[in-house]
Amino acid sequence: MRSDHRKSMLRNIVTSLLREERIETTEDRAKELKRMADRMISLGKHGDLHAKKQALSYLYDETVVKKLFDEIAPKYKERNGGYTRILKTGFRRGDGASMALVELV
């Protein structure tokens, strides 16, 4: 149960990052987010139907998948990975969790 919730939360965060192109989250989530966002952008670079179906099965929003394949992935066609950047922003007030800003390069 807990694993399903964590996967669902990660899918939401990846979808939000690709929609907004910048998001603030905890440092631990940012590290997981970077890995999955880079994988989605790699799928977008393939550009074929199979890659689009794989992205649609992971991301929640069809408009984000369209943006991924039409706008985001073509920007990185010459780049071999490292599509996202993590910048530490300090600590969250209240529980002291380490926060980070994740953005597309």
PDB file of N, CA and C in Angstrom:
ATOM      1  N   MET A   1       0.823  -1.197   0.000  1.00  0.00           N
ATOM      2  CA  MET A   1       0.000   0.000   0.000  1.00  0.00           C
ATOM      3  C   MET A   1       0.866   1.260   0.000  1.00  0.00           C
ATOM      4  N   ARG A   2       1.820   1.297   0.902  1.00  0.00           N
ATOM      5  CA  ARG A   2       2.674   2.461   1.027  1.00  0.00           C
ATOM      6  C   ARG A   2       3.496   2.685  -0.241  1.00  0.00           C
ATOM      7  N   SER A   3       3.945   1.614  -0.856  1.00  0.00           N
ATOM      8  CA  SER A   3       4.724   1.717  -2.085  1.00  0.00           C
ATOM      9  C   SER A   3       3.880   2.301  -3.217  1.00  0.00           C
ATOM     10  N   ASP A   4       2.612   1.896  -3.310  1.00  0.00           N
ATOM     11  CA  ASP A   4       1.724   2.431  -4.343  1.00  0.00           C
ATOM     12  C   ASP A   4       1.500   3.927  -4.158  1.00  0.00           C
ATOM     13  N   HIS A   5       1.345   4.344  -2.906  1.00  0.00           N
ATOM     14  CA  HIS A   5       1.151   5.766  -2.620  1.00  0.00           C
ATOM     15  C   HIS A   5       2.387   6.560  -3.027  1.00  0.00           C
ATOM     16  N   ARG A   6       3.555   6.023  -2.735  1.00  0.00           N
ATOM     17  CA  ARG A   6       4.811   6.706  -3.061  1.00  0.00           C
ATOM     18  C   ARG A   6       4.984   6.829  -4.576  1.00  0.00           C
ATOM     19  N   LYS A   7       4.650   5.765  -5.310  1.00  0.00           N
ATOM     20  CA  LYS A   7       4.747   5.796  -6.770  1.00  0.00           C
ATOM     21  C   LYS A   7       3.774   6.808  -7.355  1.00  0.00           C
ATOM     22  N   SER A   8       2.576   6.852  -6.815  1.00  0.00           N
ATOM     23  CA  SER A   8       1.565   7.787  -7.281  1.00  0.00           C
ATOM     24  C   SER A   8       2.005   9.230  -7.039  1.00  0.00           C
ATOM     25  N   MET A   9       2.591   9.476  -5.868  1.00  0.00           N
ATOM     26  CA  MET A   9       3.068  10.810  -5.547  1.00  0.00           C
ATOM     27  C   MET A   9       4.195  11.216  -6.500  1.00  0.00           C
ATOM     28  N   LEU A  10       5.096  10.289  -6.800  1.00  0.00           N
ATOM     29  CA  LEU A  10       6.198  10.575  -7.706  1.00  0.00           C
ATOM     30  C   LEU A  10       5.682  10.867  -9.113  1.00  0.00           C
ATOM     31  N   ARG A  11       4.673  10.129  -9.555  1.00  0.00           N
ATOM     32  CA  ARG A  11       4.076  10.385 -10.872  1.00  0.00           C
ATOM     33  C   ARG A  11       3.473  11.786 -10.928  1.00  0.00           C
ATOM     34  N   ASN A  12       2.818  12.198  -9.837  1.00  0.00           N
ATOM     35  CA  ASN A  12       2.243  13.546  -9.773  1.00  0.00           C
ATOM     36  C   ASN A  12       3.325  14.613  -9.845  1.00  0.00           C
ATOM     37  N   ILE A  13       4.418  14.404  -9.124  1.00  0.00           N
ATOM     38  CA  ILE A  13       5.485  15.395  -9.098  1.00  0.00           C
ATOM     39  C   ILE A  13       6.167  15.487 -10.459  1.00  0.00           C
ATOM     40  N   VAL A  14       6.394  14.356 -11.120  1.00  0.00           N
ATOM     41  CA  VAL A  14       7.012  14.368 -12.449  1.00  0.00           C
ATOM     42  C   VAL A  14       6.105  15.102 -13.436  1.00  0.00           C
ATOM     43  N   THR A  15       4.811  14.823 -13.378  1.00  0.00           N
ATOM     44  CA  THR A  15       3.855  15.501 -14.245  1.00  0.00           C
ATOM     45  C   THR A  15       3.891  17.010 -14.002  1.00  0.00           C
ATOM     46  N   SER A  16       3.928  17.416 -12.727  1.00  0.00           N
ATOM     47  CA  SER A  16       3.974  18.845 -12.396  1.00  0.00           C
ATOM     48  C   SER A  16       5.264  19.490 -12.881  1.00  0.00           C
ATOM     49  N   LEU A  17       6.381  18.797 -12.741  1.00  0.00           N
ATOM     50  CA  LEU A  17       7.656  19.358 -13.199  1.00  0.00           C
ATOM     51  C   LEU A  17       7.644  19.589 -14.702  1.00  0.00           C
ATOM     52  N   LEU A  18       7.138  18.630 -15.454  1.00  0.00           N
ATOM     53  CA  LEU A  18       7.118  18.779 -16.903  1.00  0.00           C
ATOM     54  C   LEU A  18       6.129  19.861 -17.341  1.00  0.00           C
ATOM     55  N   ARG A  19       5.071  20.070 -16.567  1.00  0.00           N
ATOM     56  CA  ARG A  19       4.109  21.121 -16.885  1.00  0.00           C
ATOM     57  C   ARG A  19       4.686  22.495 -16.558  1.00  0.00           C
ATOM     58  N   GLU A  20       5.258  22.644 -15.364  1.00  0.00           N
ATOM     59  CA  GLU A  20       5.727  23.940 -14.872  1.00  0.00           C
ATOM     60  C   GLU A  20       7.187  24.227 -15.207  1.00  0.00           C
ATOM     61  N   GLU A  21       7.971  23.204 -15.466  1.00  0.00           N
ATOM     62  CA  GLU A  21       9.404  23.259 -15.778  1.00  0.00           C
ATOM     63  C   GLU A  21      10.271  23.668 -14.587  1.00  0.00           C
ATOM     64  N   ARG A  22       9.673  23.857 -13.431  1.00  0.00           N
ATOM     65  CA  ARG A  22      10.410  24.163 -12.198  1.00  0.00           C
ATOM     66  C   ARG A  22       9.486  23.845 -11.021  1.00  0.00           C
ATOM     67  N   ILE A  23      10.027  23.172  -9.994  1.00  0.00           N
ATOM     68  CA  ILE A  23       9.207  22.793  -8.856  1.00  0.00           C
ATOM     69  C   ILE A  23      10.076  22.730  -7.604  1.00  0.00           C
ATOM     70  N   GLU A  24       9.498  23.057  -6.460  1.00  0.00           N
ATOM     71  CA  GLU A  24      10.228  22.960  -5.196  1.00  0.00           C
ATOM     72  C   GLU A  24       9.666  21.798  -4.399  1.00  0.00           C
ATOM     73  N   THR A  25      10.554  20.973  -3.870  1.00  0.00           N
ATOM     74  CA  THR A  25      10.160  19.800  -3.114  1.00  0.00           C
ATOM     75  C   THR A  25      11.280  19.462  -2.131  1.00  0.00           C
ATOM     76  N   THR A  26      11.122  18.389  -1.366  1.00  0.00           N
ATOM     77  CA  THR A  26      12.189  17.993  -0.454  1.00  0.00           C
ATOM     78  C   THR A  26      13.352  17.415  -1.253  1.00  0.00           C
ATOM     79  N   GLU A  27      14.517  17.421  -0.652  1.00  0.00           N
ATOM     80  CA  GLU A  27      15.720  16.979  -1.350  1.00  0.00           C
ATOM     81  C   GLU A  27      15.649  15.499  -1.738  1.00  0.00           C
ATOM     82  N   ASP A  28      15.107  14.657  -0.867  1.00  0.00           N
ATOM     83  CA  ASP A  28      14.990  13.227  -1.181  1.00  0.00           C
ATOM     84  C   ASP A  28      14.051  12.989  -2.365  1.00  0.00           C
ATOM     85  N   ARG A  29      12.912  13.679  -2.366  1.00  0.00           N
ATOM     86  CA  ARG A  29      11.986  13.545  -3.493  1.00  0.00           C
ATOM     87  C   ARG A  29      12.601  14.097  -4.764  1.00  0.00           C
ATOM     88  N   ALA A  30      13.390  15.160  -4.639  1.00  0.00           N
ATOM     89  CA  ALA A  30      14.020  15.770  -5.805  1.00  0.00           C
ATOM     90  C   ALA A  30      14.956  14.787  -6.499  1.00  0.00           C
ATOM     91  N   LYS A  31      15.673  13.981  -5.722  1.00  0.00           N
ATOM     92  CA  LYS A  31      16.598  13.012  -6.308  1.00  0.00           C
ATOM     93  C   LYS A  31      15.842  11.933  -7.088  1.00  0.00           C
ATOM     94  N   GLU A  32      14.720  11.464  -6.544  1.00  0.00           N
ATOM     95  CA  GLU A  32      13.901  10.483  -7.262  1.00  0.00           C
ATOM     96  C   GLU A  32      13.255  11.123  -8.491  1.00  0.00           C
ATOM     97  N   LEU A  33      12.799  12.352  -8.323  1.00  0.00           N
ATOM     98  CA  LEU A  33      12.155  13.092  -9.406  1.00  0.00           C
ATOM     99  C   LEU A  33      13.100  13.285 -10.582  1.00  0.00           C
ATOM    100  N   LYS A  34      14.331  13.610 -10.313  1.00  0.00           N
ATOM    101  CA  LYS A  34      15.334  13.833 -11.363  1.00  0.00           C
ATOM    102  C   LYS A  34      15.490  12.583 -12.224  1.00  0.00           C
ATOM    103  N   ARG A  35      15.569  11.446 -11.576  1.00  0.00           N
ATOM    104  CA  ARG A  35      15.753  10.185 -12.300  1.00  0.00           C
ATOM    105  C   ARG A  35      14.584   9.901 -13.241  1.00  0.00           C
ATOM    106  N   MET A  36      13.365  10.072 -12.736  1.00  0.00           N
ATOM    107  CA  MET A  36      12.194   9.765 -13.560  1.00  0.00           C
ATOM    108  C   MET A  36      11.948  10.828 -14.631  1.00  0.00           C
ATOM    109  N   ALA A  37      12.202  12.083 -14.318  1.00  0.00           N
ATOM    110  CA  ALA A  37      12.015  13.143 -15.317  1.00  0.00           C
ATOM    111  C   ALA A  37      13.007  12.965 -16.462  1.00  0.00           C
ATOM    112  N   ASP A  38      14.236  12.605 -16.138  1.00  0.00           N
ATOM    113  CA  ASP A  38      15.223  12.355 -17.197  1.00  0.00           C
ATOM    114  C   ASP A  38      14.794  11.178 -18.072  1.00  0.00           C
ATOM    115  N   ARG A  39      14.194  10.179 -17.463  1.00  0.00           N
ATOM    116  CA  ARG A  39      13.717   9.024 -18.232  1.00  0.00           C
ATOM    117  C   ARG A  39      12.573   9.420 -19.163  1.00  0.00           C
ATOM    118  N   MET A  40      11.664  10.268 -18.675  1.00  0.00           N
ATOM    119  CA  MET A  40      10.554  10.721 -19.517  1.00  0.00           C
ATOM    120  C   MET A  40      11.055  11.575 -20.690  1.00  0.00           C
ATOM    121  N   ILE A  41      12.032  12.424 -20.453  1.00  0.00           N
ATOM    122  CA  ILE A  41      12.582  13.245 -21.530  1.00  0.00           C
ATOM    123  C   ILE A  41      13.297  12.372 -22.554  1.00  0.00           C
ATOM    124  N   SER A  42      13.960  11.324 -22.085  1.00  0.00           N
ATOM    125  CA  SER A  42      14.593  10.381 -23.020  1.00  0.00           C
ATOM    126  C   SER A  42      13.549   9.699 -23.894  1.00  0.00           C
ATOM    127  N   LEU A  43      12.411   9.359 -23.308  1.00  0.00           N
ATOM    128  CA  LEU A  43      11.319   8.792 -24.108  1.00  0.00           C
ATOM    129  C   LEU A  43      10.845   9.803 -25.144  1.00  0.00           C
ATOM    130  N   GLY A  44      10.747  11.053 -24.733  1.00  0.00           N
ATOM    131  CA  GLY A  44      10.327  12.102 -25.660  1.00  0.00           C
ATOM    132  C   GLY A  44      11.299  12.269 -26.812  1.00  0.00           C
ATOM    133  N   LYS A  45      12.571  12.060 -26.551  1.00  0.00           N
ATOM    134  CA  LYS A  45      13.572  12.171 -27.614  1.00  0.00           C
ATOM    135  C   LYS A  45      13.437  11.048 -28.636  1.00  0.00           C
ATOM    136  N   HIS A  46      12.971   9.871 -28.203  1.00  0.00           N
ATOM    137  CA  HIS A  46      12.753   8.776 -29.159  1.00  0.00           C
ATOM    138  C   HIS A  46      11.668   9.175 -30.158  1.00  0.00           C
ATOM    139  N   GLY A  47      10.576   9.728 -29.633  1.00  0.00           N
ATOM    140  CA  GLY A  47       9.554  10.310 -30.488  1.00  0.00           C
ATOM    141  C   GLY A  47       8.647   9.342 -31.217  1.00  0.00           C
ATOM    142  N   ASP A  48       8.814   8.036 -31.064  1.00  0.00           N
ATOM    143  CA  ASP A  48       7.955   7.093 -31.779  1.00  0.00           C
ATOM    144  C   ASP A  48       6.690   6.792 -30.966  1.00  0.00           C
ATOM    145  N   LEU A  49       5.798   6.059 -31.558  1.00  0.00           N
ATOM    146  CA  LEU A  49       4.507   5.753 -30.943  1.00  0.00           C
ATOM    147  C   LEU A  49       4.666   4.959 -29.650  1.00  0.00           C
ATOM    148  N   HIS A  50       5.574   4.002 -29.647  1.00  0.00           N
ATOM    149  CA  HIS A  50       5.784   3.178 -28.451  1.00  0.00           C
ATOM    150  C   HIS A  50       6.250   4.039 -27.274  1.00  0.00           C
ATOM    151  N   ALA A  51       7.173   4.956 -27.525  1.00  0.00           N
ATOM    152  CA  ALA A  51       7.661   5.836 -26.470  1.00  0.00           C
ATOM    153  C   ALA A  51       6.533   6.729 -25.956  1.00  0.00           C
ATOM    154  N   LYS A  52       5.680   7.192 -26.852  1.00  0.00           N
ATOM    155  CA  LYS A  52       4.558   8.049 -26.452  1.00  0.00           C
ATOM    156  C   LYS A  52       3.575   7.267 -25.574  1.00  0.00           C
ATOM    157  N   LYS A  53       3.328   6.013 -25.918  1.00  0.00           N
ATOM    158  CA  LYS A  53       2.432   5.183 -25.104  1.00  0.00           C
ATOM    159  C   LYS A  53       3.034   4.913 -23.732  1.00  0.00           C
ATOM    160  N   GLN A  54       4.354   4.711 -23.676  1.00  0.00           N
ATOM    161  CA  GLN A  54       5.008   4.506 -22.387  1.00  0.00           C
ATOM    162  C   GLN A  54       4.886   5.759 -21.522  1.00  0.00           C
ATOM    163  N   ALA A  55       5.086   6.923 -22.117  1.00  0.00           N
ATOM    164  CA  ALA A  55       4.965   8.171 -21.369  1.00  0.00           C
ATOM    165  C   ALA A  55       3.523   8.379 -20.902  1.00  0.00           C
ATOM    166  N   LEU A  56       2.551   8.072 -21.768  1.00  0.00           N
ATOM    167  CA  LEU A  56       1.140   8.208 -21.393  1.00  0.00           C
ATOM    168  C   LEU A  56       0.772   7.275 -20.247  1.00  0.00           C
ATOM    169  N   SER A  57       1.416   6.113 -20.162  1.00  0.00           N
ATOM    170  CA  SER A  57       1.101   5.175 -19.086  1.00  0.00           C
ATOM    171  C   SER A  57       1.676   5.649 -17.754  1.00  0.00           C
ATOM    172  N   TYR A  58       2.671   6.532 -17.790  1.00  0.00           N
ATOM    173  CA  TYR A  58       3.278   7.009 -16.542  1.00  0.00           C
ATOM    174  C   TYR A  58       2.741   8.381 -16.121  1.00  0.00           C
ATOM    175  N   LEU A  59       2.660   9.301 -17.052  1.00  0.00           N
ATOM    176  CA  LEU A  59       2.211  10.653 -16.740  1.00  0.00           C
ATOM    177  C   LEU A  59       0.686  10.716 -16.716  1.00  0.00           C
ATOM    178  N   TYR A  60       0.139  11.589 -15.889  1.00  0.00           N
ATOM    179  CA  TYR A  60      -1.307  11.660 -15.717  1.00  0.00           C
ATOM    180  C   TYR A  60      -2.004  12.552 -16.733  1.00  0.00           C
ATOM    181  N   ASP A  61      -1.318  13.497 -17.308  1.00  0.00           N
ATOM    182  CA  ASP A  61      -1.954  14.518 -18.124  1.00  0.00           C
ATOM    183  C   ASP A  61      -1.517  14.394 -19.581  1.00  0.00           C
ATOM    184  N   GLU A  62      -2.472  14.210 -20.478  1.00  0.00           N
ATOM    185  CA  GLU A  62      -2.153  14.062 -21.900  1.00  0.00           C
ATOM    186  C   GLU A  62      -1.545  15.335 -22.484  1.00  0.00           C
ATOM    187  N   THR A  63      -1.944  16.499 -21.983  1.00  0.00           N
ATOM    188  CA  THR A  63      -1.365  17.743 -22.498  1.00  0.00           C
ATOM    189  C   THR A  63       0.109  17.858 -22.115  1.00  0.00           C
ATOM    190  N   VAL A  64       0.478  17.299 -20.971  1.00  0.00           N
ATOM    191  CA  VAL A  64       1.883  17.297 -20.563  1.00  0.00           C
ATOM    192  C   VAL A  64       2.690  16.373 -21.472  1.00  0.00           C
ATOM    193  N   VAL A  65       2.114  15.245 -21.859  1.00  0.00           N
ATOM    194  CA  VAL A  65       2.802  14.326 -22.776  1.00  0.00           C
ATOM    195  C   VAL A  65       2.995  15.009 -24.131  1.00  0.00           C
ATOM    196  N   LYS A  66       1.981  15.719 -24.580  1.00  0.00           N
ATOM    197  CA  LYS A  66       2.099  16.452 -25.847  1.00  0.00           C
ATOM    198  C   LYS A  66       3.196  17.507 -25.749  1.00  0.00           C
ATOM    199  N   LYS A  67       3.221  18.240 -24.638  1.00  0.00           N
ATOM    200  CA  LYS A  67       4.265  19.241 -24.429  1.00  0.00           C
ATOM    201  C   LYS A  67       5.641  18.582 -24.373  1.00  0.00           C
ATOM    202  N   LEU A  68       5.725  17.436 -23.720  1.00  0.00           N
ATOM    203  CA  LEU A  68       6.991  16.708 -23.620  1.00  0.00           C
ATOM    204  C   LEU A  68       7.535  16.345 -24.997  1.00  0.00           C
ATOM    205  N   PHE A  69       6.698  15.802 -25.854  1.00  0.00           N
ATOM    206  CA  PHE A  69       7.145  15.333 -27.166  1.00  0.00           C
ATOM    207  C   PHE A  69       7.318  16.482 -28.168  1.00  0.00           C
ATOM    208  N   ASP A  70       6.503  17.536 -28.048  1.00  0.00           N
ATOM    209  CA  ASP A  70       6.536  18.618 -29.033  1.00  0.00           C
ATOM    210  C   ASP A  70       7.477  19.766 -28.672  1.00  0.00           C
ATOM    211  N   GLU A  71       7.623  20.073 -27.376  1.00  0.00           N
ATOM    212  CA  GLU A  71       8.397  21.249 -26.970  1.00  0.00           C
ATOM    213  C   GLU A  71       9.658  20.903 -26.176  1.00  0.00           C
ATOM    214  N   ILE A  72       9.517  20.073 -25.148  1.00  0.00           N
ATOM    215  CA  ILE A  72      10.635  19.835 -24.224  1.00  0.00           C
ATOM    216  C   ILE A  72      11.716  18.964 -24.846  1.00  0.00           C
ATOM    217  N   ALA A  73      11.352  17.794 -25.338  1.00  0.00           N
ATOM    218  CA  ALA A  73      12.349  16.847 -25.859  1.00  0.00           C
ATOM    219  C   ALA A  73      13.167  17.397 -27.028  1.00  0.00           C
ATOM    220  N   PRO A  74      12.578  18.125 -27.982  1.00  0.00           N
ATOM    221  CA  PRO A  74      13.408  18.661 -29.074  1.00  0.00           C
ATOM    222  C   PRO A  74      14.518  19.610 -28.609  1.00  0.00           C
ATOM    223  N   LYS A  75      14.327  20.278 -27.467  1.00  0.00           N
ATOM    224  CA  LYS A  75      15.370  21.164 -26.937  1.00  0.00           C
ATOM    225  C   LYS A  75      16.636  20.394 -26.583  1.00  0.00           C
ATOM    226  N   TYR A  76      16.468  19.112 -26.233  1.00  0.00           N
ATOM    227  CA  TYR A  76      17.579  18.318 -25.718  1.00  0.00           C
ATOM    228  C   TYR A  76      18.091  17.275 -26.707  1.00  0.00           C
ATOM    229  N   LYS A  77      17.796  17.440 -27.990  1.00  0.00           N
ATOM    230  CA  LYS A  77      18.167  16.402 -28.955  1.00  0.00           C
ATOM    231  C   LYS A  77      19.676  16.212 -29.061  1.00  0.00           C
ATOM    232  N   GLU A  78      20.466  17.244 -28.779  1.00  0.00           N
ATOM    233  CA  GLU A  78      21.926  17.133 -28.847  1.00  0.00           C
ATOM    234  C   GLU A  78      22.542  16.755 -27.499  1.00  0.00           C
ATOM    235  N   ARG A  79      21.734  16.680 -26.468  1.00  0.00           N
ATOM    236  CA  ARG A  79      22.245  16.428 -25.117  1.00  0.00           C
ATOM    237  C   ARG A  79      22.060  14.961 -24.741  1.00  0.00           C
ATOM    238  N   ASN A  80      23.061  14.374 -24.114  1.00  0.00           N
ATOM    239  CA  ASN A  80      22.999  12.961 -23.720  1.00  0.00           C
ATOM    240  C   ASN A  80      22.785  12.805 -22.225  1.00  0.00           C
ATOM    241  N   GLY A  81      21.637  13.203 -21.743  1.00  0.00           N
ATOM    242  CA  GLY A  81      21.320  13.051 -20.330  1.00  0.00           C
ATOM    243  C   GLY A  81      21.541  14.346 -19.572  1.00  0.00           C
ATOM    244  N   GLY A  82      21.178  14.316 -18.278  1.00  0.00           N
ATOM    245  CA  GLY A  82      21.336  15.492 -17.440  1.00  0.00           C
ATOM    246  C   GLY A  82      20.407  16.615 -17.835  1.00  0.00           C
ATOM    247  N   TYR A  83      19.125  16.308 -17.961  1.00  0.00           N
ATOM    248  CA  TYR A  83      18.156  17.294 -18.426  1.00  0.00           C
ATOM    249  C   TYR A  83      17.597  18.142 -17.292  1.00  0.00           C
ATOM    250  N   THR A  84      17.838  17.730 -16.050  1.00  0.00           N
ATOM    251  CA  THR A  84      17.304  18.450 -14.896  1.00  0.00           C
ATOM    252  C   THR A  84      18.438  18.864 -13.968  1.00  0.00           C
ATOM    253  N   ARG A  85      18.148  19.859 -13.143  1.00  0.00           N
ATOM    254  CA  ARG A  85      19.133  20.380 -12.195  1.00  0.00           C
ATOM    255  C   ARG A  85      18.468  20.484 -10.832  1.00  0.00           C
ATOM    256  N   ILE A  86      19.223  20.146  -9.784  1.00  0.00           N
ATOM    257  CA  ILE A  86      18.729  20.249  -8.410  1.00  0.00           C
ATOM    258  C   ILE A  86      19.532  21.331  -7.696  1.00  0.00           C
ATOM    259  N   LEU A  87      18.829  22.327  -7.177  1.00  0.00           N
ATOM    260  CA  LEU A  87      19.455  23.408  -6.407  1.00  0.00           C
ATOM    261  C   LEU A  87      18.898  23.367  -4.984  1.00  0.00           C
ATOM    262  N   LYS A  88      19.776  23.245  -4.003  1.00  0.00           N
ATOM    263  CA  LYS A  88      19.325  23.222  -2.610  1.00  0.00           C
ATOM    264  C   LYS A  88      18.908  24.625  -2.192  1.00  0.00           C
ATOM    265  N   THR A  89      17.752  24.727  -1.524  1.00  0.00           N
ATOM    266  CA  THR A  89      17.217  26.042  -1.169  1.00  0.00           C
ATOM    267  C   THR A  89      17.171  26.292   0.330  1.00  0.00           C
ATOM    268  N   GLY A  90      17.552  25.342   1.141  1.00  0.00           N
ATOM    269  CA  GLY A  90      17.526  25.545   2.586  1.00  0.00           C
ATOM    270  C   GLY A  90      16.654  24.513   3.259  1.00  0.00           C
ATOM    271  N   PHE A  91      16.092  24.905   4.391  1.00  0.00           N
ATOM    272  CA  PHE A  91      15.305  23.975   5.185  1.00  0.00           C
ATOM    273  C   PHE A  91      13.879  24.481   5.348  1.00  0.00           C
ATOM    274  N   ARG A  92      12.949  23.529   5.360  1.00  0.00           N
ATOM    275  CA  ARG A  92      11.538  23.875   5.502  1.00  0.00           C
ATOM    276  C   ARG A  92      11.253  24.248   6.947  1.00  0.00           C
ATOM    277  N   ARG A  93      10.484  25.283   7.103  1.00  0.00           N
ATOM    278  CA  ARG A  93      10.103  25.720   8.429  1.00  0.00           C
ATOM    279  C   ARG A  93       9.095  24.733   9.000  1.00  0.00           C
ATOM    280  N   GLY A  94       9.257  24.359  10.215  1.00  0.00           N
ATOM    281  CA  GLY A  94       8.324  23.431  10.841  1.00  0.00           C
ATOM    282  C   GLY A  94       8.999  22.115  11.150  1.00  0.00           C
ATOM    283  N   ASP A  95       9.332  21.341  10.112  1.00  0.00           N
ATOM    284  CA  ASP A  95       9.965  20.049  10.360  1.00  0.00           C
ATOM    285  C   ASP A  95      11.446  20.024   9.996  1.00  0.00           C
ATOM    286  N   GLY A  96      11.950  21.094   9.383  1.00  0.00           N
ATOM    287  CA  GLY A  96      13.372  21.188   9.092  1.00  0.00           C
ATOM    288  C   GLY A  96      13.843  20.323   7.944  1.00  0.00           C
ATOM    289  N   ALA A  97      12.925  19.891   7.091  1.00  0.00           N
ATOM    290  CA  ALA A  97      13.313  19.059   5.951  1.00  0.00           C
ATOM    291  C   ALA A  97      14.128  19.886   4.960  1.00  0.00           C
ATOM    292  N   SER A  98      15.149  19.262   4.395  1.00  0.00           N
ATOM    293  CA  SER A  98      15.995  19.921   3.414  1.00  0.00           C
ATOM    294  C   SER A  98      15.211  20.081   2.114  1.00  0.00           C
ATOM    295  N   MET A  99      15.113  21.310   1.616  1.00  0.00           N
ATOM    296  CA  MET A  99      14.326  21.607   0.421  1.00  0.00           C
ATOM    297  C   MET A  99      15.243  21.814  -0.783  1.00  0.00           C
ATOM    298  N   ALA A 100      14.688  21.561  -1.956  1.00  0.00           N
ATOM    299  CA  ALA A 100      15.456  21.727  -3.187  1.00  0.00           C
ATOM    300  C   ALA A 100      14.533  22.198  -4.298  1.00  0.00           C
ATOM    301  N   LEU A 101      15.119  22.918  -5.236  1.00  0.00           N
ATOM    302  CA  LEU A 101      14.421  23.382  -6.417  1.00  0.00           C
ATOM    303  C   LEU A 101      14.879  22.505  -7.591  1.00  0.00           C
ATOM    304  N   VAL A 102      13.940  21.888  -8.280  1.00  0.00           N
ATOM    305  CA  VAL A 102      14.266  21.053  -9.429  1.00  0.00           C
ATOM    306  C   VAL A 102      13.760  21.787 -10.655  1.00  0.00           C
ATOM    307  N   GLU A 103      14.644  21.941 -11.659  1.00  0.00           N
ATOM    308  CA  GLU A 103      14.248  22.642 -12.879  1.00  0.00           C
ATOM    309  C   GLU A 103      14.874  21.965 -14.089  1.00  0.00           C
ATOM    310  N   LEU A 104      14.235  22.182 -15.229  1.00  0.00           N
ATOM    311  CA  LEU A 104      14.792  21.680 -16.476  1.00  0.00           C
ATOM    312  C   LEU A 104      15.941  22.589 -16.866  1.00  0.00           C
ATOM    313  N   VAL A 105      17.024  21.990 -17.354  1.00  0.00           N
ATOM    314  CA  VAL A 105      18.222  22.749 -17.727  1.00  0.00           C
ATOM    315  C   VAL A 105      17.953  23.539 -18.990  1.00  0.00           C
TER     316      VAL A 105
END
